[in-house]
Amino acid sequence: MALSSLTRSLTRRGFGILTAALLATSGLVAPASAQTPTGVLGVGQIAEPQALDPHAVTAVNDFRILMNL
């Protein structure tokens, strides 16, 4: 019984040390930067616009693209 409690405390201690080490080194990783060049607007849309003529479009998604041009 003494051996199993010793093994259990070593396992918990090892897990605690591993967790502390991971938390300490997570701040050293550089954050990801965007790959979009400056001056470029990235818009995620469901589908391609029907036209780029403001008088011809009827869908809201198409209109959002036109407003961002």
C-alpha atoms as a PDB file:
ATOM      1  CA  MET A   1       0.000   0.000   0.000  1.00  0.00           C
ATOM      2  CA  ALA A   2       2.847   2.384   0.727  1.00  0.00           C
ATOM      3  CA  LEU A   3       4.359   1.701  -2.686  1.00  0.00           C
ATOM      4  CA  SER A   4       1.124   2.502  -4.559  1.00  0.00           C
ATOM      5  CA  SER A   5       0.676   5.813  -2.693  1.00  0.00           C
ATOM      6  CA  LEU A   6       4.320   6.710  -3.463  1.00  0.00           C
ATOM      7  CA  THR A   7       3.797   5.913  -7.148  1.00  0.00           C
ATOM      8  CA  ARG A   8       0.544   7.895  -7.187  1.00  0.00           C
ATOM      9  CA  SER A   9       2.199  10.975  -5.639  1.00  0.00           C
ATOM     10  CA  LEU A  10       5.085  10.769  -8.136  1.00  0.00           C
ATOM     11  CA  THR A  11       2.617  10.572 -10.987  1.00  0.00           C
ATOM     12  CA  ARG A  12       0.678  13.569  -9.682  1.00  0.00           C
ATOM     13  CA  ARG A  13       3.896  15.493  -9.093  1.00  0.00           C
ATOM     14  CA  GLY A  14       5.132  14.669 -12.601  1.00  0.00           C
ATOM     15  CA  PHE A  15       1.808  15.757 -14.082  1.00  0.00           C
ATOM     16  CA  GLY A  16       1.959  19.019 -12.137  1.00  0.00           C
ATOM     17  CA  ILE A  17       5.519  19.721 -13.292  1.00  0.00           C
ATOM     18  CA  LEU A  18       4.601  18.918 -16.897  1.00  0.00           C
ATOM     19  CA  THR A  19       1.582  21.217 -16.753  1.00  0.00           C
ATOM     20  CA  ALA A  20       3.636  24.042 -15.257  1.00  0.00           C
ATOM     21  CA  ALA A  21       6.324  23.614 -17.928  1.00  0.00           C
ATOM     22  CA  LEU A  22       3.758  23.686 -20.744  1.00  0.00           C
ATOM     23  CA  LEU A  23       2.104  26.809 -19.369  1.00  0.00           C
ATOM     24  CA  ALA A  24       5.462  28.537 -18.948  1.00  0.00           C
ATOM     25  CA  THR A  25       6.611  27.789 -22.491  1.00  0.00           C
ATOM     26  CA  SER A  26       3.291  28.589 -24.169  1.00  0.00           C
ATOM     27  CA  GLY A  27       4.053  32.298 -23.797  1.00  0.00           C
ATOM     28  CA  LEU A  28       7.287  31.909 -25.772  1.00  0.00           C
ATOM     29  CA  VAL A  29       5.547  30.925 -29.009  1.00  0.00           C
ATOM     30  CA  ALA A  30       5.100  33.797 -31.459  1.00  0.00           C
ATOM     31  CA  PRO A  31       1.474  34.518 -32.383  1.00  0.00           C
ATOM     32  CA  ALA A  32       0.366  33.718 -35.903  1.00  0.00           C
ATOM     33  CA  SER A  33       0.234  36.702 -38.211  1.00  0.00           C
ATOM     34  CA  ALA A  34      -2.244  37.190 -41.018  1.00  0.00           C
ATOM     35  CA  GLN A  35      -1.134  36.266 -44.503  1.00  0.00           C
ATOM     36  CA  THR A  36      -3.228  38.954 -46.201  1.00  0.00           C
ATOM     37  CA  PRO A  37      -1.106  41.767 -47.646  1.00  0.00           C
ATOM     38  CA  THR A  38      -1.820  45.334 -46.632  1.00  0.00           C
ATOM     39  CA  GLY A  39      -4.479  47.093 -48.685  1.00  0.00           C
ATOM     40  CA  VAL A  40      -6.355  43.842 -49.485  1.00  0.00           C
ATOM     41  CA  LEU A  41      -9.861  43.238 -48.182  1.00  0.00           C
ATOM     42  CA  GLY A  42     -10.711  39.595 -47.544  1.00  0.00           C
ATOM     43  CA  VAL A  43     -14.440  38.821 -47.573  1.00  0.00           C
ATOM     44  CA  GLY A  44     -15.828  35.332 -47.012  1.00  0.00           C
ATOM     45  CA  GLN A  45     -18.959  34.749 -49.055  1.00  0.00           C
ATOM     46  CA  ILE A  46     -21.241  31.801 -49.696  1.00  0.00           C
ATOM     47  CA  ALA A  47     -21.228  32.128 -53.480  1.00  0.00           C
ATOM     48  CA  GLU A  48     -19.902  34.263 -56.318  1.00  0.00           C
ATOM     49  CA  PRO A  49     -21.810  37.486 -56.999  1.00  0.00           C
ATOM     50  CA  GLN A  50     -24.180  37.425 -59.975  1.00  0.00           C
ATOM     51  CA  ALA A  51     -22.840  40.751 -61.253  1.00  0.00           C
ATOM     52  CA  LEU A  52     -20.791  43.724 -60.155  1.00  0.00           C
ATOM     53  CA  ASP A  53     -23.428  46.173 -61.376  1.00  0.00           C
ATOM     54  CA  PRO A  54     -25.253  47.671 -58.354  1.00  0.00           C
ATOM     55  CA  HIS A  55     -28.483  47.921 -60.387  1.00  0.00           C
ATOM     56  CA  ALA A  56     -28.426  44.250 -61.369  1.00  0.00           C
ATOM     57  CA  VAL A  57     -27.801  42.528 -58.028  1.00  0.00           C
ATOM     58  CA  THR A  58     -30.688  41.462 -55.833  1.00  0.00           C
ATOM     59  CA  ALA A  59     -29.003  39.235 -53.234  1.00  0.00           C
ATOM     60  CA  VAL A  60     -27.804  40.655 -49.934  1.00  0.00           C
ATOM     61  CA  ASN A  61     -24.477  38.807 -50.226  1.00  0.00           C
ATOM     62  CA  ASP A  62     -23.808  40.397 -53.612  1.00  0.00           C
ATOM     63  CA  PHE A  63     -24.673  43.822 -52.231  1.00  0.00           C
ATOM     64  CA  ARG A  64     -22.200  43.367 -49.344  1.00  0.00           C
ATOM     65  CA  ILE A  65     -19.419  42.709 -51.829  1.00  0.00           C
ATOM     66  CA  LEU A  66     -20.358  45.820 -53.823  1.00  0.00           C
ATOM     67  CA  MET A  67     -20.375  47.987 -50.696  1.00  0.00           C
ATOM     68  CA  ASN A  68     -16.826  46.842 -49.883  1.00  0.00           C
ATOM     69  CA  LEU A  69     -15.435  47.628 -53.330  1.00  0.00           C
END
